[in-house]
């Protein structure tokens, strides 16, 4: 199971628990609705922050992989050039 799915499941569980707690708390309807909206906004902001962090991490990892592939390709090019040079030298 991926970390993103686990994180999303945990956040959904926390949100559901908070919503149920607010709904069962003895309070006036308008106050309860205000609390639900506030909690929802807080969770949306939290989720946005987590998503931004996740995307930044993935972008960094993608850049690292690109750099590694580029380095590998350059090394292969150098080795291929050396092999071709050795073959020409041996054939002469």
PDB file of N, CA and C in Angstrom:
ATOM      1  N   UNK A   1       0.851  -1.168   0.000  1.00  0.00           N
ATOM      2  CA  UNK A   1       0.000   0.000   0.000  1.00  0.00           C
ATOM      3  C   UNK A   1       0.899   1.234   0.000  1.00  0.00           C
ATOM      4  N   UNK A   2       0.570   2.237  -0.790  1.00  0.00           N
ATOM      5  CA  UNK A   2       1.429   3.403  -0.903  1.00  0.00           C
ATOM      6  C   UNK A   2       1.221   4.349   0.277  1.00  0.00           C
ATOM      7  N   UNK A   3       2.223   5.149   0.524  1.00  0.00           N
ATOM      8  CA  UNK A   3       2.176   6.105   1.623  1.00  0.00           C
ATOM      9  C   UNK A   3       1.067   7.119   1.411  1.00  0.00           C
ATOM     10  N   UNK A   4       0.858   7.527   0.163  1.00  0.00           N
ATOM     11  CA  UNK A   4      -0.194   8.495  -0.140  1.00  0.00           C
ATOM     12  C   UNK A   4      -1.570   7.978   0.222  1.00  0.00           C
ATOM     13  N   UNK A   5      -1.824   6.692  -0.055  1.00  0.00           N
ATOM     14  CA  UNK A   5      -3.127   6.108   0.271  1.00  0.00           C
ATOM     15  C   UNK A   5      -3.317   6.010   1.773  1.00  0.00           C
ATOM     16  N   UNK A   6      -2.272   5.658   2.476  1.00  0.00           N
ATOM     17  CA  UNK A   6      -2.356   5.561   3.930  1.00  0.00           C
ATOM     18  C   UNK A   6      -2.619   6.929   4.528  1.00  0.00           C
ATOM     19  N   UNK A   7      -1.887   7.941   4.052  1.00  0.00           N
ATOM     20  CA  UNK A   7      -2.061   9.302   4.549  1.00  0.00           C
ATOM     21  C   UNK A   7      -3.471   9.796   4.277  1.00  0.00           C
ATOM     22  N   UNK A   8      -3.974   9.554   3.090  1.00  0.00           N
ATOM     23  CA  UNK A   8      -5.324   9.966   2.747  1.00  0.00           C
ATOM     24  C   UNK A   8      -6.356   9.258   3.625  1.00  0.00           C
ATOM     25  N   UNK A   9      -6.163   7.979   3.901  1.00  0.00           N
ATOM     26  CA  UNK A   9      -7.064   7.231   4.767  1.00  0.00           C
ATOM     27  C   UNK A   9      -7.068   7.769   6.188  1.00  0.00           C
ATOM     28  N   UNK A  10      -5.889   8.101   6.692  1.00  0.00           N
ATOM     29  CA  UNK A  10      -5.794   8.651   8.045  1.00  0.00           C
ATOM     30  C   UNK A  10      -6.496  10.000   8.121  1.00  0.00           C
ATOM     31  N   UNK A  11      -6.238  10.858   7.126  1.00  0.00           N
ATOM     32  CA  UNK A  11      -6.886  12.171   7.129  1.00  0.00           C
ATOM     33  C   UNK A  11      -8.400  12.053   7.014  1.00  0.00           C
ATOM     34  N   UNK A  12      -8.873  11.136   6.193  1.00  0.00           N
ATOM     35  CA  UNK A  12     -10.315  10.935   6.059  1.00  0.00           C
ATOM     36  C   UNK A  12     -10.912  10.440   7.371  1.00  0.00           C
ATOM     37  N   UNK A  13     -10.219   9.548   8.059  1.00  0.00           N
ATOM     38  CA  UNK A  13     -10.689   9.044   9.344  1.00  0.00           C
ATOM     39  C   UNK A  13     -10.757  10.133  10.403  1.00  0.00           C
ATOM     40  N   UNK A  14      -9.726  10.972  10.437  1.00  0.00           N
ATOM     41  CA  UNK A  14      -9.711  12.080  11.397  1.00  0.00           C
ATOM     42  C   UNK A  14     -10.847  13.049  11.095  1.00  0.00           C
ATOM     43  N   UNK A  15     -11.039  13.352   9.807  1.00  0.00           N
ATOM     44  CA  UNK A  15     -12.113  14.273   9.426  1.00  0.00           C
ATOM     45  C   UNK A  15     -13.482  13.701   9.795  1.00  0.00           C
ATOM     46  N   UNK A  16     -13.696  12.428   9.526  1.00  0.00           N
ATOM     47  CA  UNK A  16     -14.973  11.792   9.861  1.00  0.00           C
ATOM     48  C   UNK A  16     -15.202  11.796  11.367  1.00  0.00           C
ATOM     49  N   UNK A  17     -14.173  11.506  12.128  1.00  0.00           N
ATOM     50  CA  UNK A  17     -14.297  11.513  13.589  1.00  0.00           C
ATOM     51  C   UNK A  17     -14.617  12.894  14.135  1.00  0.00           C
ATOM     52  N   UNK A  18     -13.954  13.903  13.593  1.00  0.00           N
ATOM     53  CA  UNK A  18     -14.225  15.272  14.039  1.00  0.00           C
ATOM     54  C   UNK A  18     -15.645  15.690  13.681  1.00  0.00           C
ATOM     55  N   UNK A  19     -16.094  15.326  12.483  1.00  0.00           N
ATOM     56  CA  UNK A  19     -17.445  15.666  12.050  1.00  0.00           C
ATOM     57  C   UNK A  19     -18.490  14.996  12.948  1.00  0.00           C
ATOM     58  N   UNK A  20     -18.290  13.742  13.238  1.00  0.00           N
ATOM     59  CA  UNK A  20     -19.239  13.024  14.106  1.00  0.00           C
ATOM     60  C   UNK A  20     -19.235  13.628  15.507  1.00  0.00           C
ATOM     61  N   UNK A  21     -18.062  13.993  15.999  1.00  0.00           N
ATOM     62  CA  UNK A  21     -17.978  14.620  17.317  1.00  0.00           C
ATOM     63  C   UNK A  21     -18.723  15.939  17.375  1.00  0.00           C
ATOM     64  N   UNK A  22     -18.590  16.738  16.325  1.00  0.00           N
ATOM     65  CA  UNK A  22     -19.291  18.024  16.284  1.00  0.00           C
ATOM     66  C   UNK A  22     -20.794  17.812  16.170  1.00  0.00           C
ATOM     67  N   UNK A  23     -21.194  16.849  15.344  1.00  0.00           N
ATOM     68  CA  UNK A  23     -22.633  16.619  15.158  1.00  0.00           C
ATOM     69  C   UNK A  23     -23.318  16.121  16.423  1.00  0.00           C
ATOM     70  N   UNK A  24     -22.622  15.353  17.234  1.00  0.00           N
ATOM     71  CA  UNK A  24     -23.226  14.813  18.451  1.00  0.00           C
ATOM     72  C   UNK A  24     -23.053  15.727  19.656  1.00  0.00           C
ATOM     73  N   UNK A  25     -22.294  16.804  19.516  1.00  0.00           N
ATOM     74  CA  UNK A  25     -22.109  17.741  20.621  1.00  0.00           C
ATOM     75  C   UNK A  25     -23.383  18.569  20.785  1.00  0.00           C
ATOM     76  N   UNK A  26     -23.816  18.782  22.020  1.00  0.00           N
ATOM     77  CA  UNK A  26     -25.038  19.564  22.243  1.00  0.00           C
ATOM     78  C   UNK A  26     -24.765  21.052  22.026  1.00  0.00           C
ATOM     79  N   UNK A  27     -25.170  21.552  20.880  1.00  0.00           N
ATOM     80  CA  UNK A  27     -24.938  22.954  20.550  1.00  0.00           C
ATOM     81  C   UNK A  27     -26.036  23.397  19.589  1.00  0.00           C
ATOM     82  N   UNK A  28     -26.173  24.694  19.380  1.00  0.00           N
ATOM     83  CA  UNK A  28     -27.176  25.212  18.452  1.00  0.00           C
ATOM     84  C   UNK A  28     -26.788  24.858  17.024  1.00  0.00           C
ATOM     85  N   UNK A  29     -27.792  24.749  16.152  1.00  0.00           N
ATOM     86  CA  UNK A  29     -27.568  24.352  14.765  1.00  0.00           C
ATOM     87  C   UNK A  29     -26.628  25.268  14.007  1.00  0.00           C
ATOM     88  N   UNK A  30     -26.813  26.587  14.148  1.00  0.00           N
ATOM     89  CA  UNK A  30     -25.960  27.511  13.410  1.00  0.00           C
ATOM     90  C   UNK A  30     -24.515  27.433  13.893  1.00  0.00           C
ATOM     91  N   UNK A  31     -24.357  27.213  15.189  1.00  0.00           N
ATOM     92  CA  UNK A  31     -23.002  27.105  15.742  1.00  0.00           C
ATOM     93  C   UNK A  31     -22.345  25.803  15.272  1.00  0.00           C
ATOM     94  N   UNK A  32     -23.128  24.738  15.226  1.00  0.00           N
ATOM     95  CA  UNK A  32     -22.605  23.450  14.749  1.00  0.00           C
ATOM     96  C   UNK A  32     -22.190  23.552  13.284  1.00  0.00           C
ATOM     97  N   UNK A  33     -23.018  24.184  12.460  1.00  0.00           N
ATOM     98  CA  UNK A  33     -22.668  24.345  11.042  1.00  0.00           C
ATOM     99  C   UNK A  33     -21.399  25.183  10.875  1.00  0.00           C
ATOM    100  N   UNK A  34     -21.263  26.217  11.701  1.00  0.00           N
ATOM    101  CA  UNK A  34     -20.066  27.062  11.641  1.00  0.00           C
ATOM    102  C   UNK A  34     -18.818  26.240  11.998  1.00  0.00           C
ATOM    103  N   UNK A  35     -18.937  25.392  13.022  1.00  0.00           N
ATOM    104  CA  UNK A  35     -17.818  24.535  13.418  1.00  0.00           C
ATOM    105  C   UNK A  35     -17.451  23.546  12.313  1.00  0.00           C
ATOM    106  N   UNK A  36     -18.483  22.974  11.666  1.00  0.00           N
ATOM    107  CA  UNK A  36     -18.235  22.017  10.582  1.00  0.00           C
ATOM    108  C   UNK A  36     -17.489  22.701   9.434  1.00  0.00           C
ATOM    109  N   UNK A  37     -17.939  23.905   9.069  1.00  0.00           N
ATOM    110  CA  UNK A  37     -17.274  24.638   7.985  1.00  0.00           C
ATOM    111  C   UNK A  37     -15.830  24.947   8.366  1.00  0.00           C
ATOM    112  N   UNK A  38     -15.609  25.392   9.599  1.00  0.00           N
ATOM    113  CA  UNK A  38     -14.252  25.723  10.058  1.00  0.00           C
ATOM    114  C   UNK A  38     -13.355  24.491  10.025  1.00  0.00           C
ATOM    115  N   UNK A  39     -13.837  23.373  10.548  1.00  0.00           N
ATOM    116  CA  UNK A  39     -13.051  22.132  10.529  1.00  0.00           C
ATOM    117  C   UNK A  39     -12.751  21.708   9.104  1.00  0.00           C
ATOM    118  N   UNK A  40     -13.752  21.816   8.234  1.00  0.00           N
ATOM    119  CA  UNK A  40     -13.560  21.450   6.833  1.00  0.00           C
ATOM    120  C   UNK A  40     -12.479  22.300   6.180  1.00  0.00           C
ATOM    121  N   UNK A  41     -12.512  23.599   6.435  1.00  0.00           N
ATOM    122  CA  UNK A  41     -11.488  24.486   5.877  1.00  0.00           C
ATOM    123  C   UNK A  41     -10.106  24.132   6.415  1.00  0.00           C
ATOM    124  N   UNK A  42     -10.035  23.824   7.703  1.00  0.00           N
ATOM    125  CA  UNK A  42      -8.743  23.445   8.293  1.00  0.00           C
ATOM    126  C   UNK A  42      -8.197  22.177   7.647  1.00  0.00           C
ATOM    127  N   UNK A  43      -9.058  21.189   7.438  1.00  0.00           N
ATOM    128  CA  UNK A  43      -8.621  19.933   6.841  1.00  0.00           C
ATOM    129  C   UNK A  43      -8.225  20.108   5.383  1.00  0.00           C
ATOM    130  N   UNK A  44      -8.942  20.974   4.669  1.00  0.00           N
ATOM    131  CA  UNK A  44      -8.586  21.236   3.271  1.00  0.00           C
ATOM    132  C   UNK A  44      -7.202  21.882   3.199  1.00  0.00           C
ATOM    133  N   UNK A  45      -6.948  22.852   4.068  1.00  0.00           N
ATOM    134  CA  UNK A  45      -5.630  23.497   4.086  1.00  0.00           C
ATOM    135  C   UNK A  45      -4.533  22.496   4.441  1.00  0.00           C
ATOM    136  N   UNK A  46      -4.809  21.657   5.416  1.00  0.00           N
ATOM    137  CA  UNK A  46      -3.840  20.641   5.813  1.00  0.00           C
ATOM    138  C   UNK A  46      -3.562  19.681   4.670  1.00  0.00           C
ATOM    139  N   UNK A  47      -4.615  19.270   3.989  1.00  0.00           N
ATOM    140  CA  UNK A  47      -4.467  18.352   2.861  1.00  0.00           C
ATOM    141  C   UNK A  47      -3.690  19.012   1.722  1.00  0.00           C
ATOM    142  N   UNK A  48      -3.948  20.286   1.458  1.00  0.00           N
ATOM    143  CA  UNK A  48      -3.205  21.016   0.429  1.00  0.00           C
ATOM    144  C   UNK A  48      -1.716  21.056   0.771  1.00  0.00           C
ATOM    145  N   UNK A  49      -1.407  21.340   2.035  1.00  0.00           N
ATOM    146  CA  UNK A  49      -0.006  21.389   2.455  1.00  0.00           C
ATOM    147  C   UNK A  49       0.669  20.036   2.279  1.00  0.00           C
ATOM    148  N   UNK A  50      -0.010  18.979   2.688  1.00  0.00           N
ATOM    149  CA  UNK A  50       0.553  17.629   2.543  1.00  0.00           C
ATOM    150  C   UNK A  50       0.757  17.284   1.071  1.00  0.00           C
ATOM    151  N   UNK A  51      -0.196  17.648   0.226  1.00  0.00           N
ATOM    152  CA  UNK A  51      -0.093  17.376  -1.201  1.00  0.00           C
ATOM    153  C   UNK A  51       1.060  18.158  -1.816  1.00  0.00           C
ATOM    154  N   UNK A  52       1.214  19.421  -1.420  1.00  0.00           N
ATOM    155  CA  UNK A  52       2.333  20.221  -1.927  1.00  0.00           C
ATOM    156  C   UNK A  52       3.676  19.602  -1.525  1.00  0.00           C
ATOM    157  N   UNK A  53       3.775  19.169  -0.277  1.00  0.00           N
ATOM    158  CA  UNK A  53       5.007  18.520   0.181  1.00  0.00           C
ATOM    159  C   UNK A  53       5.279  17.244  -0.611  1.00  0.00           C
ATOM    160  N   UNK A  54       4.237  16.460  -0.834  1.00  0.00           N
ATOM    161  CA  UNK A  54       4.373  15.216  -1.590  1.00  0.00           C
ATOM    162  C   UNK A  54       4.828  15.506  -3.020  1.00  0.00           C
ATOM    163  N   UNK A  55       4.217  16.497  -3.663  1.00  0.00           N
ATOM    164  CA  UNK A  55       4.592  16.843  -5.038  1.00  0.00           C
ATOM    165  C   UNK A  55       6.020  17.379  -5.111  1.00  0.00           C
ATOM    166  N   UNK A  56       6.431  18.171  -4.116  1.00  0.00           N
ATOM    167  CA  UNK A  56       7.813  18.657  -4.085  1.00  0.00           C
ATOM    168  C   UNK A  56       8.793  17.501  -3.959  1.00  0.00           C
ATOM    169  N   UNK A  57       8.472  16.561  -3.102  1.00  0.00           N
ATOM    170  CA  UNK A  57       9.330  15.390  -2.917  1.00  0.00           C
ATOM    171  C   UNK A  57       9.427  14.586  -4.209  1.00  0.00           C
ATOM    172  N   UNK A  58       8.295  14.377  -4.857  1.00  0.00           N
ATOM    173  CA  UNK A  58       8.298  13.615  -6.108  1.00  0.00           C
ATOM    174  C   UNK A  58       9.069  14.350  -7.197  1.00  0.00           C
ATOM    175  N   UNK A  59       8.943  15.667  -7.264  1.00  0.00           N
ATOM    176  CA  UNK A  59       9.680  16.453  -8.255  1.00  0.00           C
ATOM    177  C   UNK A  59      11.183  16.323  -8.022  1.00  0.00           C
ATOM    178  N   UNK A  60      11.588  16.386  -6.759  1.00  0.00           N
ATOM    179  CA  UNK A  60      13.014  16.230  -6.435  1.00  0.00           C
ATOM    180  C   UNK A  60      13.517  14.850  -6.848  1.00  0.00           C
ATOM    181  N   UNK A  61      12.726  13.826  -6.572  1.00  0.00           N
ATOM    182  CA  UNK A  61      13.135  12.468  -6.938  1.00  0.00           C
ATOM    183  C   UNK A  61      13.225  12.306  -8.448  1.00  0.00           C
ATOM    184  N   UNK A  62      12.295  12.906  -9.176  1.00  0.00           N
ATOM    185  CA  UNK A  62      12.320  12.833 -10.642  1.00  0.00           C
ATOM    186  C   UNK A  62      13.570  13.519 -11.173  1.00  0.00           C
ATOM    187  N   UNK A  63      13.909  14.670 -10.610  1.00  0.00           N
ATOM    188  CA  UNK A  63      15.122  15.370 -11.043  1.00  0.00           C
ATOM    189  C   UNK A  63      16.366  14.537 -10.754  1.00  0.00           C
ATOM    190  N   UNK A  64      16.406  13.873  -9.606  1.00  0.00           N
ATOM    191  CA  UNK A  64      17.541  13.008  -9.272  1.00  0.00           C
ATOM    192  C   UNK A  64      17.678  11.867 -10.275  1.00  0.00           C
ATOM    193  N   UNK A  65      16.556  11.273 -10.631  1.00  0.00           N
ATOM    194  CA  UNK A  65      16.585  10.171 -11.608  1.00  0.00           C
ATOM    195  C   UNK A  65      17.045  10.683 -12.969  1.00  0.00           C
ATOM    196  N   UNK A  66      16.566  11.852 -13.378  1.00  0.00           N
ATOM    197  CA  UNK A  66      17.007  12.431 -14.650  1.00  0.00           C
ATOM    198  C   UNK A  66      18.518  12.639 -14.655  1.00  0.00           C
ATOM    199  N   UNK A  67      19.044  13.169 -13.553  1.00  0.00           N
ATOM    200  CA  UNK A  67      20.492  13.397 -13.456  1.00  0.00           C
ATOM    201  C   UNK A  67      21.262  12.084 -13.539  1.00  0.00           C
ATOM    202  N   UNK A  68      20.772  11.060 -12.847  1.00  0.00           N
ATOM    203  CA  UNK A  68      21.435   9.764 -12.873  1.00  0.00           C
ATOM    204  C   UNK A  68      21.415   9.156 -14.272  1.00  0.00           C
ATOM    205  N   UNK A  69      20.292   9.275 -14.956  1.00  0.00           N
ATOM    206  CA  UNK A  69      20.189   8.734 -16.320  1.00  0.00           C
ATOM    207  C   UNK A  69      21.131   9.485 -17.254  1.00  0.00           C
ATOM    208  N   UNK A  70      21.199  10.798 -17.105  1.00  0.00           N
ATOM    209  CA  UNK A  70      22.104  11.598 -17.932  1.00  0.00           C
ATOM    210  C   UNK A  70      23.551  11.193 -17.685  1.00  0.00           C
ATOM    211  N   UNK A  71      23.926  11.048 -16.420  1.00  0.00           N
ATOM    212  CA  UNK A  71      25.294  10.621 -16.095  1.00  0.00           C
ATOM    213  C   UNK A  71      25.589   9.246 -16.662  1.00  0.00           C
ATOM    214  N   UNK A  72      24.640   8.338 -16.538  1.00  0.00           N
ATOM    215  CA  UNK A  72      24.821   6.984 -17.056  1.00  0.00           C
ATOM    216  C   UNK A  72      24.996   7.011 -18.571  1.00  0.00           C
ATOM    217  N   UNK A  73      24.183   7.822 -19.250  1.00  0.00           N
ATOM    218  CA  UNK A  73      24.272   7.922 -20.706  1.00  0.00           C
ATOM    219  C   UNK A  73      25.621   8.504 -21.130  1.00  0.00           C
ATOM    220  N   UNK A  74      26.096   9.494 -20.398  1.00  0.00           N
ATOM    221  CA  UNK A  74      27.400  10.089 -20.723  1.00  0.00           C
ATOM    222  C   UNK A  74      28.524   9.083 -20.506  1.00  0.00           C
ATOM    223  N   UNK A  75      28.441   8.315 -19.425  1.00  0.00           N
ATOM    224  CA  UNK A  75      29.464   7.294 -19.168  1.00  0.00           C
ATOM    225  C   UNK A  75      29.434   6.230 -20.249  1.00  0.00           C
ATOM    226  N   UNK A  76      28.253   5.829 -20.670  1.00  0.00           N
ATOM    227  CA  UNK A  76      28.135   4.822 -21.725  1.00  0.00           C
ATOM    228  C   UNK A  76      28.699   5.363 -23.036  1.00  0.00           C
ATOM    229  N   UNK A  77      28.467   6.632 -23.301  1.00  0.00           N
ATOM    230  CA  UNK A  77      28.968   7.259 -24.522  1.00  0.00           C
ATOM    231  C   UNK A  77      30.500   7.288 -24.514  1.00  0.00           C
ATOM    232  N   UNK A  78      31.073   7.623 -23.370  1.00  0.00           N
ATOM    233  CA  UNK A  78      32.533   7.654 -23.247  1.00  0.00           C
ATOM    234  C   UNK A  78      33.103   6.251 -23.415  1.00  0.00           C
ATOM    235  N   UNK A  79      32.504   5.274 -22.776  1.00  0.00           N
ATOM    236  CA  UNK A  79      32.993   3.894 -22.883  1.00  0.00           C
ATOM    237  C   UNK A  79      32.853   3.387 -24.306  1.00  0.00           C
ATOM    238  N   UNK A  80      31.746   3.717 -24.966  1.00  0.00           N
ATOM    239  CA  UNK A  80      31.548   3.293 -26.353  1.00  0.00           C
ATOM    240  C   UNK A  80      32.588   3.944 -27.246  1.00  0.00           C
ATOM    241  N   UNK A  81      32.895   5.200 -27.009  1.00  0.00           N
ATOM    242  CA  UNK A  81      33.921   5.898 -27.783  1.00  0.00           C
ATOM    243  C   UNK A  81      35.286   5.274 -27.577  1.00  0.00           C
ATOM    244  N   UNK A  82      35.598   4.881 -26.366  1.00  0.00           N
ATOM    245  CA  UNK A  82      36.881   4.251 -26.082  1.00  0.00           C
ATOM    246  C   UNK A  82      36.950   2.883 -26.750  1.00  0.00           C
ATOM    247  N   UNK A  83      35.886   2.132 -26.733  1.00  0.00           N
ATOM    248  CA  UNK A  83      35.854   0.810 -27.348  1.00  0.00           C
ATOM    249  C   UNK A  83      36.041   0.937 -28.854  1.00  0.00           C
ATOM    250  N   UNK A  84      35.385   1.923 -29.458  1.00  0.00           N
ATOM    251  CA  UNK A  84      35.526   2.135 -30.892  1.00  0.00           C
ATOM    252  C   UNK A  84      36.933   2.539 -31.250  1.00  0.00           C
ATOM    253  N   UNK A  85      37.547   3.362 -30.425  1.00  0.00           N
ATOM    254  CA  UNK A  85      38.920   3.805 -30.658  1.00  0.00           C
ATOM    255  C   UNK A  85      39.880   2.626 -30.536  1.00  0.00           C
ATOM    256  N   UNK A  86      39.652   1.772 -29.523  1.00  0.00           N
ATOM    257  CA  UNK A  86      40.498   0.593 -29.336  1.00  0.00           C
ATOM    258  C   UNK A  86      40.350  -0.362 -30.509  1.00  0.00           C
ATOM    259  N   UNK A  87      39.143  -0.482 -31.018  1.00  0.00           N
ATOM    260  CA  UNK A  87      38.905  -1.391 -32.161  1.00  0.00           C
ATOM    261  C   UNK A  87      39.638  -0.865 -33.408  1.00  0.00           C
ATOM    262  N   UNK A  88      39.579   0.433 -33.624  1.00  0.00           N
ATOM    263  CA  UNK A  88      40.261   1.002 -34.776  1.00  0.00           C
ATOM    264  C   UNK A  88      41.775   0.836 -34.643  1.00  0.00           C
ATOM    265  N   UNK A  89      42.294   1.019 -33.411  1.00  0.00           N
ATOM    266  CA  UNK A  89      43.718   0.871 -33.160  1.00  0.00           C
ATOM    267  C   UNK A  89      44.151  -0.576 -33.356  1.00  0.00           C
ATOM    268  N   UNK A  90      43.331  -1.515 -32.893  1.00  0.00           N
ATOM    269  CA  UNK A  90      43.662  -2.931 -33.010  1.00  0.00           C
ATOM    270  C   UNK A  90      43.580  -3.380 -34.474  1.00  0.00           C
ATOM    271  N   UNK A  91      42.673  -2.812 -35.255  1.00  0.00           N
ATOM    272  CA  UNK A  91      42.484  -3.204 -36.633  1.00  0.00           C
ATOM    273  C   UNK A  91      43.558  -2.634 -37.559  1.00  0.00           C
ATOM    274  N   UNK A  92      44.233  -1.604 -37.119  1.00  0.00           N
ATOM    275  CA  UNK A  92      45.218  -0.951 -37.972  1.00  0.00           C
ATOM    276  C   UNK A  92      46.540  -1.643 -38.011  1.00  0.00           C
TER     277      UNK A  92
END
